[in-house]
C-alpha cells in the first residue's frame, strides 16, 4: 500500500462505508494528486485507523480496513519553549515524522512568541500533513500554549526530562529506559532555560539531561531529543 496516496480525514466524515469529502479534500485528491474516479487511496483518521478507499464523485467508498504498525512503543510528549519566527513549523513537521505523540507549547521566561489561533491551526495542519507523509497511524496532538509553571504542574511523572545545554548533567541517551510507557521531554527557547525554571522543573520531578557538549538551536534540540528517544524505543 506504500505506493498509494494518503489523506487525513475527520471521523465524522465516515458514514457506514462512505467517506464524505470536503471541497478542500476533493481539490487535493483530483487537482493536486490528479486522482480520477475509481482510483484508490488511503484514508486515515489520525487516531489509529486506516482504510483503503476508492474515489467517487464527492465521496469515497471504503473497500477495507488496513492494519498499520508504524508507531513507537513509547508515547512521547514534547514540551517546547516556543522559538521565534516560524521555527515551530520545522519542529512540528520533523518531530511528527519521528513519532512524537503530543506537542505542548510552553511560554517560558525567554519565550518571544505568543502564537495566535491561526498559528496553532497551521501547526495542526502541518502535523496532519507530516503524519500522512510518514505513514503514521496517529496525528500528534498540538496543545494550546500554557505558562511554564502550569506545564510543570501538569506533567509530573516517572519519566520526565528537561534538556539543558549547560551544566554537568547526564546525557539523555544514557538515562532513557529501554521500554517506558511514556516520556515527557522539555526543550528550551533561544538563550535556554533560566535557573529558576530549572529549579522548578527539578522540584516537579523532571530530571535535567544533556544533549551533548555543543549548544543546539531551539529548533534543533527537540529533533535531537525525539530522535534519541525513538532510537531507544523502537516499534
C-alpha atoms as a PDB file:
ATOM      1  CA  UNK A   1       0.000   0.000   0.000  1.00  0.00           C
ATOM      2  CA  UNK A   2       3.040   2.266   0.218  1.00  0.00           C
ATOM      3  CA  UNK A   3       2.550   3.500  -3.341  1.00  0.00           C
ATOM      4  CA  UNK A   4      -0.953   4.831  -2.624  1.00  0.00           C
ATOM      5  CA  UNK A   5      -1.540   8.455  -1.655  1.00  0.00           C
ATOM      6  CA  UNK A   6      -2.742   9.168   1.875  1.00  0.00           C
ATOM      7  CA  UNK A   7      -5.119  11.792   3.211  1.00  0.00           C
ATOM      8  CA  UNK A   8      -6.236  12.617   6.746  1.00  0.00           C
ATOM      9  CA  UNK A   9      -9.976  12.796   7.397  1.00  0.00           C
ATOM     10  CA  UNK A  10     -12.129  13.548  10.433  1.00  0.00           C
ATOM     11  CA  UNK A  11     -14.005  10.603  11.980  1.00  0.00           C
ATOM     12  CA  UNK A  12     -17.380  12.305  11.446  1.00  0.00           C
ATOM     13  CA  UNK A  13     -16.837  12.190   7.675  1.00  0.00           C
ATOM     14  CA  UNK A  14     -17.444   8.428   7.697  1.00  0.00           C
ATOM     15  CA  UNK A  15     -20.989   7.102   7.410  1.00  0.00           C
ATOM     16  CA  UNK A  16     -21.162   3.329   7.101  1.00  0.00           C
ATOM     17  CA  UNK A  17     -18.848   2.552   4.163  1.00  0.00           C
ATOM     18  CA  UNK A  18     -18.752   6.028   2.648  1.00  0.00           C
ATOM     19  CA  UNK A  19     -16.445   8.980   3.263  1.00  0.00           C
ATOM     20  CA  UNK A  20     -17.900  12.421   2.560  1.00  0.00           C
ATOM     21  CA  UNK A  21     -15.042  14.522   1.204  1.00  0.00           C
ATOM     22  CA  UNK A  22     -14.703  18.244   1.869  1.00  0.00           C
ATOM     23  CA  UNK A  23     -14.202  20.667  -1.027  1.00  0.00           C
ATOM     24  CA  UNK A  24     -10.569  21.048   0.001  1.00  0.00           C
ATOM     25  CA  UNK A  25     -10.052  17.279   0.028  1.00  0.00           C
ATOM     26  CA  UNK A  26     -11.722  16.885  -3.356  1.00  0.00           C
ATOM     27  CA  UNK A  27      -9.444  19.581  -4.775  1.00  0.00           C
ATOM     28  CA  UNK A  28      -6.380  17.964  -3.225  1.00  0.00           C
ATOM     29  CA  UNK A  29      -7.196  14.473  -4.482  1.00  0.00           C
ATOM     30  CA  UNK A  30      -8.250  15.487  -8.001  1.00  0.00           C
ATOM     31  CA  UNK A  31      -6.227  18.614  -8.775  1.00  0.00           C
ATOM     32  CA  UNK A  32      -3.067  18.137  -6.714  1.00  0.00           C
ATOM     33  CA  UNK A  33      -2.724  14.352  -6.644  1.00  0.00           C
ATOM     34  CA  UNK A  34      -4.518  14.006 -10.030  1.00  0.00           C
ATOM     35  CA  UNK A  35      -6.610  11.037  -8.964  1.00  0.00           C
ATOM     36  CA  UNK A  36      -9.656  10.131 -11.036  1.00  0.00           C
ATOM     37  CA  UNK A  37     -12.951   8.460 -10.213  1.00  0.00           C
ATOM     38  CA  UNK A  38     -12.237   4.824  -9.387  1.00  0.00           C
ATOM     39  CA  UNK A  39      -8.681   5.453  -8.220  1.00  0.00           C
ATOM     40  CA  UNK A  40      -7.724   4.175  -4.800  1.00  0.00           C
ATOM     41  CA  UNK A  41      -6.103   5.995  -1.897  1.00  0.00           C
ATOM     42  CA  UNK A  42      -5.638   5.570   1.843  1.00  0.00           C
ATOM     43  CA  UNK A  43      -7.796   7.497   4.310  1.00  0.00           C
ATOM     44  CA  UNK A  44      -6.559   7.914   7.886  1.00  0.00           C
ATOM     45  CA  UNK A  45      -8.438   9.400  10.834  1.00  0.00           C
ATOM     46  CA  UNK A  46      -5.304  10.349  12.785  1.00  0.00           C
ATOM     47  CA  UNK A  47      -6.473   8.229  15.716  1.00  0.00           C
ATOM     48  CA  UNK A  48      -5.033   4.904  14.660  1.00  0.00           C
ATOM     49  CA  UNK A  49      -7.355   3.783  11.833  1.00  0.00           C
ATOM     50  CA  UNK A  50      -6.570   3.473   8.120  1.00  0.00           C
ATOM     51  CA  UNK A  51      -8.884   2.488   5.269  1.00  0.00           C
ATOM     52  CA  UNK A  52      -8.371   1.608   1.637  1.00  0.00           C
ATOM     53  CA  UNK A  53     -10.810   3.870  -0.212  1.00  0.00           C
ATOM     54  CA  UNK A  54     -11.954   4.352  -3.799  1.00  0.00           C
ATOM     55  CA  UNK A  55     -12.682   7.837  -5.130  1.00  0.00           C
ATOM     56  CA  UNK A  56     -16.209   8.564  -6.371  1.00  0.00           C
ATOM     57  CA  UNK A  57     -17.826  11.937  -7.124  1.00  0.00           C
ATOM     58  CA  UNK A  58     -17.909  13.894  -3.860  1.00  0.00           C
ATOM     59  CA  UNK A  59     -17.383  10.794  -1.766  1.00  0.00           C
ATOM     60  CA  UNK A  60     -15.118   7.799  -1.435  1.00  0.00           C
ATOM     61  CA  UNK A  61     -16.106   4.213  -0.800  1.00  0.00           C
ATOM     62  CA  UNK A  62     -14.315   2.274   1.923  1.00  0.00           C
ATOM     63  CA  UNK A  63     -13.055  -1.017   0.495  1.00  0.00           C
ATOM     64  CA  UNK A  64     -11.317  -2.458   3.530  1.00  0.00           C
ATOM     65  CA  UNK A  65      -9.758  -1.605   6.892  1.00  0.00           C
ATOM     66  CA  UNK A  66      -5.964  -1.634   6.935  1.00  0.00           C
ATOM     67  CA  UNK A  67      -3.587  -2.651   9.710  1.00  0.00           C
ATOM     68  CA  UNK A  68      -0.869  -0.105  10.473  1.00  0.00           C
ATOM     69  CA  UNK A  69       2.155  -0.757  12.685  1.00  0.00           C
ATOM     70  CA  UNK A  70       4.295   2.355  12.376  1.00  0.00           C
ATOM     71  CA  UNK A  71       4.023   3.846  15.872  1.00  0.00           C
ATOM     72  CA  UNK A  72       6.690   3.780  18.557  1.00  0.00           C
ATOM     73  CA  UNK A  73       6.278   1.657  21.666  1.00  0.00           C
ATOM     74  CA  UNK A  74       6.511   4.795  23.812  1.00  0.00           C
ATOM     75  CA  UNK A  75       4.218   7.833  23.964  1.00  0.00           C
ATOM     76  CA  UNK A  76       6.382  10.967  23.703  1.00  0.00           C
ATOM     77  CA  UNK A  77       5.119  14.328  24.892  1.00  0.00           C
ATOM     78  CA  UNK A  78       7.399  17.079  23.598  1.00  0.00           C
ATOM     79  CA  UNK A  79       7.247  20.214  25.704  1.00  0.00           C
ATOM     80  CA  UNK A  80       8.792  23.082  23.753  1.00  0.00           C
ATOM     81  CA  UNK A  81       9.502  26.630  24.823  1.00  0.00           C
ATOM     82  CA  UNK A  82       8.351  28.330  21.639  1.00  0.00           C
ATOM     83  CA  UNK A  83      11.150  29.582  19.368  1.00  0.00           C
ATOM     84  CA  UNK A  84      10.856  32.856  17.496  1.00  0.00           C
ATOM     85  CA  UNK A  85       9.667  33.204  13.908  1.00  0.00           C
ATOM     86  CA  UNK A  86       8.490  30.091  12.086  1.00  0.00           C
ATOM     87  CA  UNK A  87      10.844  27.733  13.899  1.00  0.00           C
ATOM     88  CA  UNK A  88       7.968  25.788  15.397  1.00  0.00           C
ATOM     89  CA  UNK A  89       6.818  24.808  11.896  1.00  0.00           C
ATOM     90  CA  UNK A  90      10.006  22.777  11.498  1.00  0.00           C
ATOM     91  CA  UNK A  91       9.761  21.271  14.974  1.00  0.00           C
ATOM     92  CA  UNK A  92       6.190  20.092  14.400  1.00  0.00           C
ATOM     93  CA  UNK A  93       6.979  18.656  10.970  1.00  0.00           C
ATOM     94  CA  UNK A  94      10.166  16.785  11.860  1.00  0.00           C
ATOM     95  CA  UNK A  95       9.072  15.536  15.278  1.00  0.00           C
ATOM     96  CA  UNK A  96       5.811  14.244  13.816  1.00  0.00           C
ATOM     97  CA  UNK A  97       7.844  12.215  11.329  1.00  0.00           C
ATOM     98  CA  UNK A  98       9.977  10.900  14.203  1.00  0.00           C
ATOM     99  CA  UNK A  99       6.954   9.641  16.136  1.00  0.00           C
ATOM    100  CA  UNK A 100       6.061  12.222  18.783  1.00  0.00           C
ATOM    101  CA  UNK A 101       2.614  11.732  20.339  1.00  0.00           C
ATOM    102  CA  UNK A 102       1.877  15.194  21.729  1.00  0.00           C
ATOM    103  CA  UNK A 103       3.444  18.636  21.369  1.00  0.00           C
ATOM    104  CA  UNK A 104       2.906  21.016  24.291  1.00  0.00           C
ATOM    105  CA  UNK A 105       3.979  24.631  23.584  1.00  0.00           C
ATOM    106  CA  UNK A 106       5.260  26.451  26.667  1.00  0.00           C
ATOM    107  CA  UNK A 107       5.583  30.167  27.388  1.00  0.00           C
ATOM    108  CA  UNK A 108       8.846  30.402  29.314  1.00  0.00           C
ATOM    109  CA  UNK A 109      10.682  33.409  30.741  1.00  0.00           C
ATOM    110  CA  UNK A 110      12.626  33.891  27.495  1.00  0.00           C
ATOM    111  CA  UNK A 111       9.862  32.977  25.052  1.00  0.00           C
ATOM    112  CA  UNK A 112       9.329  35.709  22.460  1.00  0.00           C
ATOM    113  CA  UNK A 113       6.420  34.171  20.552  1.00  0.00           C
ATOM    114  CA  UNK A 114       2.798  34.212  21.712  1.00  0.00           C
ATOM    115  CA  UNK A 115       1.038  32.324  18.922  1.00  0.00           C
ATOM    116  CA  UNK A 116      -2.353  33.296  17.528  1.00  0.00           C
ATOM    117  CA  UNK A 117      -5.178  30.766  16.991  1.00  0.00           C
ATOM    118  CA  UNK A 118      -4.294  30.866  13.289  1.00  0.00           C
ATOM    119  CA  UNK A 119      -0.722  29.849  14.084  1.00  0.00           C
ATOM    120  CA  UNK A 120      -1.950  26.913  16.160  1.00  0.00           C
ATOM    121  CA  UNK A 121      -4.196  25.756  13.327  1.00  0.00           C
ATOM    122  CA  UNK A 122      -1.230  25.981  10.978  1.00  0.00           C
ATOM    123  CA  UNK A 123       0.813  23.715  13.282  1.00  0.00           C
ATOM    124  CA  UNK A 124      -2.049  21.224  13.469  1.00  0.00           C
ATOM    125  CA  UNK A 125      -2.305  21.199   9.695  1.00  0.00           C
ATOM    126  CA  UNK A 126       1.460  20.649   9.382  1.00  0.00           C
ATOM    127  CA  UNK A 127       1.221  17.754  11.847  1.00  0.00           C
ATOM    128  CA  UNK A 128      -1.547  16.139   9.784  1.00  0.00           C
ATOM    129  CA  UNK A 129       0.430  16.535   6.562  1.00  0.00           C
ATOM    130  CA  UNK A 130       3.591  15.135   8.147  1.00  0.00           C
ATOM    131  CA  UNK A 131       1.656  12.169   9.547  1.00  0.00           C
ATOM    132  CA  UNK A 132       0.291  11.441   6.061  1.00  0.00           C
ATOM    133  CA  UNK A 133       3.740  11.658   4.506  1.00  0.00           C
ATOM    134  CA  UNK A 134       5.448   9.454   7.097  1.00  0.00           C
ATOM    135  CA  UNK A 135       2.651   6.836   7.087  1.00  0.00           C
ATOM    136  CA  UNK A 136       1.822   7.282  10.741  1.00  0.00           C
ATOM    137  CA  UNK A 137      -1.318   5.846  12.310  1.00  0.00           C
ATOM    138  CA  UNK A 138      -1.781   8.839  14.616  1.00  0.00           C
ATOM    139  CA  UNK A 139      -1.620  12.592  14.122  1.00  0.00           C
ATOM    140  CA  UNK A 140       0.110  14.197  17.123  1.00  0.00           C
ATOM    141  CA  UNK A 141      -1.980  16.378  19.406  1.00  0.00           C
ATOM    142  CA  UNK A 142      -0.916  20.048  19.428  1.00  0.00           C
ATOM    143  CA  UNK A 143      -1.962  21.588  22.742  1.00  0.00           C
ATOM    144  CA  UNK A 144      -2.716  25.236  23.383  1.00  0.00           C
ATOM    145  CA  UNK A 145       0.267  27.128  24.846  1.00  0.00           C
ATOM    146  CA  UNK A 146       0.468  27.374  28.638  1.00  0.00           C
ATOM    147  CA  UNK A 147       2.791  29.082  31.098  1.00  0.00           C
ATOM    148  CA  UNK A 148       5.893  27.172  32.171  1.00  0.00           C
ATOM    149  CA  UNK A 149       4.621  26.808  35.747  1.00  0.00           C
ATOM    150  CA  UNK A 150       1.339  25.330  34.543  1.00  0.00           C
ATOM    151  CA  UNK A 151       3.162  22.873  32.283  1.00  0.00           C
ATOM    152  CA  UNK A 152       5.418  21.690  35.095  1.00  0.00           C
ATOM    153  CA  UNK A 153       2.494  21.138  37.450  1.00  0.00           C
ATOM    154  CA  UNK A 154       0.575  19.135  34.855  1.00  0.00           C
ATOM    155  CA  UNK A 155       3.462  16.921  33.754  1.00  0.00           C
ATOM    156  CA  UNK A 156       4.680  15.227  36.896  1.00  0.00           C
ATOM    157  CA  UNK A 157       5.611  11.597  36.280  1.00  0.00           C
ATOM    158  CA  UNK A 158       8.328   8.947  36.397  1.00  0.00           C
ATOM    159  CA  UNK A 159       9.925   9.682  33.034  1.00  0.00           C
ATOM    160  CA  UNK A 160      10.129  13.468  32.731  1.00  0.00           C
ATOM    161  CA  UNK A 161      13.277  15.149  31.426  1.00  0.00           C
ATOM    162  CA  UNK A 162      14.304  18.751  30.799  1.00  0.00           C
ATOM    163  CA  UNK A 163      17.141  19.393  28.346  1.00  0.00           C
ATOM    164  CA  UNK A 164      19.751  21.892  29.494  1.00  0.00           C
ATOM    165  CA  UNK A 165      22.695  22.988  27.367  1.00  0.00           C
ATOM    166  CA  UNK A 166      24.937  23.992  30.249  1.00  0.00           C
ATOM    167  CA  UNK A 167      25.775  22.170  33.456  1.00  0.00           C
ATOM    168  CA  UNK A 168      27.115  18.746  34.329  1.00  0.00           C
ATOM    169  CA  UNK A 169      24.069  16.605  33.571  1.00  0.00           C
ATOM    170  CA  UNK A 170      23.875  13.019  32.251  1.00  0.00           C
ATOM    171  CA  UNK A 171      23.306  12.541  28.544  1.00  0.00           C
ATOM    172  CA  UNK A 172      19.714  11.764  27.577  1.00  0.00           C
ATOM    173  CA  UNK A 173      20.895   8.676  25.721  1.00  0.00           C
ATOM    174  CA  UNK A 174      22.239   7.220  28.974  1.00  0.00           C
ATOM    175  CA  UNK A 175      19.140   7.732  31.123  1.00  0.00           C
ATOM    176  CA  UNK A 176      16.335   6.538  28.854  1.00  0.00           C
ATOM    177  CA  UNK A 177      14.896   3.240  29.985  1.00  0.00           C
ATOM    178  CA  UNK A 178      14.568   0.572  27.327  1.00  0.00           C
ATOM    179  CA  UNK A 179      10.779   0.466  27.274  1.00  0.00           C
ATOM    180  CA  UNK A 180       8.990   3.168  29.297  1.00  0.00           C
ATOM    181  CA  UNK A 181       5.260   3.574  28.577  1.00  0.00           C
ATOM    182  CA  UNK A 182       5.558   7.332  28.160  1.00  0.00           C
ATOM    183  CA  UNK A 183       8.158  10.085  28.275  1.00  0.00           C
ATOM    184  CA  UNK A 184       7.861  13.845  28.704  1.00  0.00           C
ATOM    185  CA  UNK A 185      10.821  15.774  27.300  1.00  0.00           C
ATOM    186  CA  UNK A 186      11.187  19.568  27.576  1.00  0.00           C
ATOM    187  CA  UNK A 187      13.457  21.728  25.388  1.00  0.00           C
ATOM    188  CA  UNK A 188      14.190  25.399  25.934  1.00  0.00           C
ATOM    189  CA  UNK A 189      13.948  28.657  23.982  1.00  0.00           C
ATOM    190  CA  UNK A 190      16.660  30.837  22.471  1.00  0.00           C
ATOM    191  CA  UNK A 191      19.008  31.614  25.354  1.00  0.00           C
ATOM    192  CA  UNK A 192      17.991  28.479  27.256  1.00  0.00           C
ATOM    193  CA  UNK A 193      16.002  27.979  30.431  1.00  0.00           C
ATOM    194  CA  UNK A 194      16.532  30.319  33.354  1.00  0.00           C
ATOM    195  CA  UNK A 195      17.954  28.908  36.574  1.00  0.00           C
ATOM    196  CA  UNK A 196      14.614  29.339  38.432  1.00  0.00           C
ATOM    197  CA  UNK A 197      12.921  27.339  35.654  1.00  0.00           C
ATOM    198  CA  UNK A 198      15.433  24.502  36.008  1.00  0.00           C
ATOM    199  CA  UNK A 199      14.926  24.502  39.779  1.00  0.00           C
ATOM    200  CA  UNK A 200      11.150  24.456  39.391  1.00  0.00           C
ATOM    201  CA  UNK A 201      11.378  21.592  36.897  1.00  0.00           C
ATOM    202  CA  UNK A 202      13.502  19.559  39.299  1.00  0.00           C
ATOM    203  CA  UNK A 203      11.012  20.242  42.097  1.00  0.00           C
ATOM    204  CA  UNK A 204       8.257  18.955  39.778  1.00  0.00           C
ATOM    205  CA  UNK A 205      10.057  15.671  39.152  1.00  0.00           C
ATOM    206  CA  UNK A 206      11.933  16.497  35.941  1.00  0.00           C
ATOM    207  CA  UNK A 207      15.472  15.189  35.554  1.00  0.00           C
ATOM    208  CA  UNK A 208      17.885  17.619  33.830  1.00  0.00           C
ATOM    209  CA  UNK A 209      19.700  15.986  30.920  1.00  0.00           C
ATOM    210  CA  UNK A 210      22.237  16.959  28.288  1.00  0.00           C
ATOM    211  CA  UNK A 211      22.013  16.525  24.515  1.00  0.00           C
ATOM    212  CA  UNK A 212      25.782  16.715  24.097  1.00  0.00           C
ATOM    213  CA  UNK A 213      28.655  19.140  24.516  1.00  0.00           C
ATOM    214  CA  UNK A 214      27.502  21.574  21.858  1.00  0.00           C
ATOM    215  CA  UNK A 215      24.847  24.253  22.299  1.00  0.00           C
ATOM    216  CA  UNK A 216      21.951  23.420  19.974  1.00  0.00           C
ATOM    217  CA  UNK A 217      19.456  25.829  18.459  1.00  0.00           C
ATOM    218  CA  UNK A 218      15.953  25.915  19.913  1.00  0.00           C
ATOM    219  CA  UNK A 219      14.754  24.312  16.660  1.00  0.00           C
ATOM    220  CA  UNK A 220      17.445  21.610  16.616  1.00  0.00           C
ATOM    221  CA  UNK A 221      17.208  20.422  20.235  1.00  0.00           C
ATOM    222  CA  UNK A 222      13.665  18.964  20.012  1.00  0.00           C
ATOM    223  CA  UNK A 223      14.566  16.970  16.904  1.00  0.00           C
ATOM    224  CA  UNK A 224      17.688  15.559  18.566  1.00  0.00           C
ATOM    225  CA  UNK A 225      15.803  14.706  21.766  1.00  0.00           C
ATOM    226  CA  UNK A 226      12.975  12.875  19.983  1.00  0.00           C
ATOM    227  CA  UNK A 227      15.475  11.079  17.731  1.00  0.00           C
ATOM    228  CA  UNK A 228      17.373   9.737  20.749  1.00  0.00           C
ATOM    229  CA  UNK A 229      14.173   8.562  22.418  1.00  0.00           C
ATOM    230  CA  UNK A 230      12.822   6.894  19.268  1.00  0.00           C
ATOM    231  CA  UNK A 231      16.161   5.174  18.670  1.00  0.00           C
ATOM    232  CA  UNK A 232      15.986   3.662  22.156  1.00  0.00           C
ATOM    233  CA  UNK A 233      12.308   2.752  21.929  1.00  0.00           C
ATOM    234  CA  UNK A 234      11.792   1.202  18.515  1.00  0.00           C
ATOM    235  CA  UNK A 235       8.489  -0.208  17.290  1.00  0.00           C
END
